[in-house]
Every structure is written in C-alpha cells, then in structure tokens.
Amino acid sequence: MEQPFRSVVVILLIIISGMATLSFAPTVESVHQPISEHDMIPVMIQIPKLGIAAEIVPCHMNKDGSMQVPERGDVAGWMTNSPIPGDEGNAVIAGHVDDFTGPAIFFSLKNLVYGDEILIKDAHGLTLTFEVAKIEIYPNHYAPIDTIFGYASTPKLNLITCHGLFDRKRKTHEERLVVYTELKFKEEAEIATQ
C-alpha cells in the first residue's frame, strides 16, 4: 500500500524556538493538490483552555529541506507541505515555546490534556475543532517522524514545539513536545443573505 506522504530520511527540518532548532523532522513529499480557492487556509488558532488566540502564518520548505518558521514568537506556523487542516492526513502547526522576550505562543502547550479542544479558523468563517488525543515528549533526534508527519487516513492536526532544557552549545532545546489531535467537527459560518 503506497502512502500519500513518504518520509525521506533527511533529518533537517528547522523549527526555531528563540534560537533553538528542531532537527528531527523529514523532508516530506506531499500528494496534496495545489491550494485552490475552495481549500481551507488556516489563519487563526485558538486554544480556549490556555487562553491562546494567535495568527497562523504559512511556513514553506526551504531548498535544503528545512522548514521556514514564524519570525515572531506570538504566531504559529502551518507547514504548507503537510495536509490542509481538516483534510485527510497529519497537518502540522509549529510554534515557539520561547523567544528573546520570554515565553512564546506555545509555552503552555504542555498543560493540555486528553479531550482539550483546539480550534483552527480560516478567513471565511470555517472553524475546525480538533480534540487532543495524546501528548508526547521526544528527545529532539529520536522522534517518530512517520507518526508526526506521515500518512493518516483521517484528519489530524499535530502541534509541535520545543521542550526541556536549552542546550546553549547546540542552540536548541533538548526535547520536542508534540500534541496529537483528531478532528472533532467542522462549523461553517452562516452567510448573511441580502
């Protein structure tokens, strides 16, 4: 059985948390068709339990296989070569745990528990509600790449951030925290008729 996402064992994806880098993720080939005007493009993430409401910016793959990351600590980044949130597969959104000013957007992600909700919104009023299925912490070089970025037959959203002690020599946190979620429901905005 061929999988829609093939992980090439290149461990180069960079996700900066302050000056930290995430160096365990693969270059992922996506079979998702180019984005059309009908696709849900995520622009906002809300995590009610944590009081998080933040902009989502697109993060593309660089030529070297690394992932662009948000320049600011107060926004999250959607990995555009992962599925669109709500589509079949593992959509991936990354955020900083901290930056030069202190705690960043995903600093409190570690406080989520099974069943907590994460809302993803687009510019047209569509809201997707995902529910936390599990939270895992991995050493930054030993994360299960296929589980985080690989094939899934149902809509999933994985949030990822740095975790643990900051290694000043390597300029990265020693661990990665991944929140695995599953789509609970979609809510379309009501369009007013004139």
Protein backbone atom coordinates (compact mmCIF):
# COMPACT_ATOMS: atom_id res chain seq x y z
CA MET A 1 0.00 0.00 0.00
CA GLU A 2 1.51 3.30 -1.06
CA GLN A 3 1.26 6.12 1.44
CA PRO A 4 0.32 9.70 0.43
CA PHE A 5 3.28 11.06 2.38
CA ARG A 6 6.71 9.49 2.04
CA SER A 7 9.21 10.48 4.64
CA VAL A 8 12.64 10.79 3.14
CA VAL A 9 15.09 10.06 5.91
CA VAL A 10 16.59 13.50 5.89
CA ILE A 11 16.58 14.96 9.36
CA LEU A 12 16.82 18.63 8.59
CA LEU A 13 13.57 20.38 9.41
CA ILE A 14 14.29 23.51 11.41
CA ILE A 15 11.84 24.94 13.88
CA ILE A 16 13.22 27.80 15.88
CA SER A 17 12.26 28.37 19.44
CA GLY A 18 14.09 31.51 20.31
CA MET A 19 17.38 30.37 18.84
CA ALA A 20 16.52 26.66 19.14
CA THR A 21 16.19 24.39 16.15
CA LEU A 22 14.15 21.27 15.59
CA SER A 23 16.36 18.85 13.77
CA PHE A 24 14.46 15.57 13.68
CA ALA A 25 11.81 16.15 11.04
CA PRO A 26 11.90 14.84 7.50
CA THR A 27 11.57 16.27 4.08
CA VAL A 28 8.03 15.25 3.26
CA GLU A 29 6.63 14.80 -0.22
CA SER A 30 3.02 15.84 -0.34
CA VAL A 31 0.48 14.49 -2.77
CA HIS A 32 -1.98 17.21 -1.78
CA GLN A 33 -3.06 19.15 -4.85
CA PRO A 34 -2.10 22.81 -5.09
CA ILE A 35 -4.23 25.03 -2.87
CA SER A 36 -7.39 26.21 -4.58
CA GLU A 37 -9.78 29.00 -3.65
CA HIS A 38 -12.05 26.34 -2.08
CA ASP A 39 -9.44 24.95 0.32
CA MET A 40 -9.46 25.89 3.99
CA ILE A 41 -6.42 28.08 4.59
CA PRO A 42 -5.75 28.32 8.34
CA VAL A 43 -5.35 31.88 9.61
CA MET A 44 -6.11 31.56 13.35
CA ILE A 45 -5.51 29.05 16.13
CA GLN A 46 -7.42 29.18 19.38
CA ILE A 47 -6.84 27.00 22.42
CA PRO A 48 -9.55 28.06 24.89
CA LYS A 49 -8.13 26.18 27.89
CA LEU A 50 -4.82 28.04 27.56
CA GLY A 51 -6.22 31.42 26.53
CA ILE A 52 -4.37 31.23 23.20
CA ALA A 53 -5.67 33.08 20.16
CA ALA A 54 -2.99 33.62 17.53
CA GLU A 55 -2.45 34.19 13.86
CA ILE A 56 -1.25 31.27 11.72
CA VAL A 57 1.29 32.04 9.02
CA PRO A 58 2.31 29.70 6.18
CA CYS A 59 5.72 28.04 6.55
CA HIS A 60 7.18 26.53 3.41
CA MET A 61 10.02 24.09 2.89
CA ASN A 62 13.41 25.57 2.07
CA LYS A 63 15.56 24.10 -0.69
CA ASP A 64 17.75 22.36 1.92
CA GLY A 65 14.75 20.51 3.37
CA SER A 66 14.37 22.74 6.41
CA MET A 67 11.08 24.35 7.30
CA GLN A 68 10.58 28.08 7.41
CA VAL A 69 9.38 29.14 10.83
CA PRO A 70 7.48 32.15 12.12
CA GLU A 71 9.75 35.11 12.69
CA ARG A 72 7.78 36.15 15.76
CA GLY A 73 7.01 34.24 18.93
CA ASP A 74 3.37 35.31 19.03
CA VAL A 75 2.26 33.47 15.85
CA ALA A 76 2.07 29.81 14.82
CA GLY A 77 3.29 28.37 11.52
CA TRP A 78 1.41 25.87 9.33
CA MET A 79 3.72 23.54 7.43
CA THR A 80 2.27 24.07 3.94
CA ASN A 81 3.59 20.80 2.54
CA SER A 82 1.58 18.94 5.16
CA PRO A 83 -2.16 18.50 4.56
CA ILE A 84 -4.52 21.40 4.98
CA PRO A 85 -6.13 21.17 8.42
CA GLY A 86 -9.38 19.23 8.06
CA ASP A 87 -8.14 17.18 5.10
CA GLU A 88 -7.14 13.54 5.44
CA GLY A 89 -3.65 13.24 6.94
CA ASN A 90 -1.38 14.85 9.52
CA ALA A 91 -1.48 18.64 9.27
CA VAL A 92 1.40 20.15 11.24
CA ILE A 93 1.49 23.52 13.02
CA ALA A 94 4.61 24.66 14.85
CA GLY A 95 5.09 27.43 17.36
CA HIS A 96 7.82 28.82 19.54
CA VAL A 97 7.99 27.85 23.20
CA ASP A 98 10.03 30.95 23.99
CA ASP A 99 11.98 33.71 22.34
CA PHE A 100 14.27 36.55 23.36
CA THR A 101 11.43 38.28 25.21
CA GLY A 102 10.33 35.27 27.27
CA PRO A 103 7.51 32.73 26.88
CA ALA A 104 6.09 32.46 23.36
CA ILE A 105 2.80 31.24 21.84
CA PHE A 106 3.22 27.51 22.62
CA PHE A 107 4.86 27.93 26.04
CA SER A 108 1.86 26.47 27.88
CA LEU A 109 1.13 23.68 25.36
CA LYS A 110 2.47 21.20 27.93
CA ASN A 111 -0.61 21.91 30.07
CA LEU A 112 -3.07 20.38 27.60
CA VAL A 113 -4.70 17.04 28.41
CA TYR A 114 -6.74 14.43 26.59
CA GLY A 115 -10.01 15.89 25.34
CA ASP A 116 -8.97 19.57 25.30
CA GLU A 117 -10.06 21.45 22.18
CA ILE A 118 -8.02 23.29 19.57
CA LEU A 119 -9.84 25.48 17.07
CA ILE A 120 -8.49 26.31 13.63
CA LYS A 121 -10.22 29.07 11.67
CA ASP A 122 -10.00 30.33 8.11
CA ALA A 123 -10.71 33.79 6.71
CA HIS A 124 -14.20 32.76 5.53
CA GLY A 125 -15.53 31.73 8.94
CA LEU A 126 -14.96 27.98 8.79
CA THR A 127 -13.96 26.63 12.21
CA LEU A 128 -12.45 23.20 12.70
CA THR A 129 -12.44 21.77 16.21
CA PHE A 130 -9.74 19.25 16.99
CA GLU A 131 -9.57 17.25 20.21
CA VAL A 132 -6.34 16.29 21.97
CA ALA A 133 -5.75 12.55 21.64
CA LYS A 134 -2.32 12.38 23.28
CA ILE A 135 0.76 14.40 24.13
CA GLU A 136 4.27 13.05 23.74
CA ILE A 137 7.74 14.37 24.54
CA TYR A 138 10.68 13.13 22.46
CA PRO A 139 14.44 13.68 22.50
CA ASN A 140 14.93 16.01 19.53
CA HIS A 141 16.83 13.39 17.48
CA TYR A 142 14.55 10.41 18.23
CA ALA A 143 11.04 11.47 17.38
CA PRO A 144 8.81 9.16 15.29
CA ILE A 145 8.89 11.09 12.02
CA ASP A 146 6.24 8.98 10.28
CA THR A 147 3.84 9.38 13.20
CA ILE A 148 4.16 13.17 13.27
CA PHE A 149 4.42 13.96 9.56
CA GLY A 150 3.43 10.76 7.76
CA TYR A 151 0.26 9.23 6.39
CA ALA A 152 -3.04 9.23 8.28
CA SER A 153 -6.39 8.07 6.90
CA THR A 154 -8.37 10.62 8.92
CA PRO A 155 -7.98 14.38 9.51
CA LYS A 156 -5.42 15.02 12.24
CA LEU A 157 -3.56 18.07 13.48
CA ASN A 158 -0.21 17.82 15.23
CA LEU A 159 1.13 20.80 17.17
CA ILE A 160 4.85 20.86 17.79
CA THR A 161 7.17 22.98 19.89
CA CYS A 162 10.47 22.75 21.71
CA HIS A 163 10.58 21.44 25.26
CA GLY A 164 13.04 20.77 28.04
CA LEU A 165 16.37 22.36 28.80
CA PHE A 166 18.03 24.73 26.37
CA ASP A 167 21.41 23.46 25.17
CA ARG A 168 23.44 26.65 24.72
CA LYS A 169 26.20 24.85 22.87
CA ARG A 170 23.84 23.41 20.23
CA LYS A 171 21.45 26.39 20.45
CA THR A 172 18.39 24.16 20.73
CA HIS A 173 16.10 22.67 23.31
CA GLU A 174 16.82 19.02 24.14
CA GLU A 175 13.28 17.77 23.54
CA ARG A 176 10.24 18.27 21.35
CA LEU A 177 6.67 18.27 22.60
CA VAL A 178 4.02 17.02 20.16
CA VAL A 179 0.29 17.37 20.75
CA TYR A 180 -1.61 14.87 18.60
CA THR A 181 -5.21 15.79 17.85
CA GLU A 182 -8.11 14.43 15.83
CA LEU A 183 -10.86 16.34 14.04
CA LYS A 184 -13.98 16.55 16.20
CA PHE A 185 -16.21 18.70 13.95
CA LYS A 186 -16.43 21.46 11.32
CA GLU A 187 -18.55 24.55 11.78
CA GLU A 188 -19.32 26.66 8.73
CA ALA A 189 -20.07 30.34 9.22
CA GLU A 190 -23.58 31.40 8.39
CA ILE A 191 -23.56 33.62 5.34
CA ALA A 192 -25.95 36.51 5.57
CA THR A 193 -28.25 36.94 2.61
CA GLN A 194 -29.26 40.34 1.38
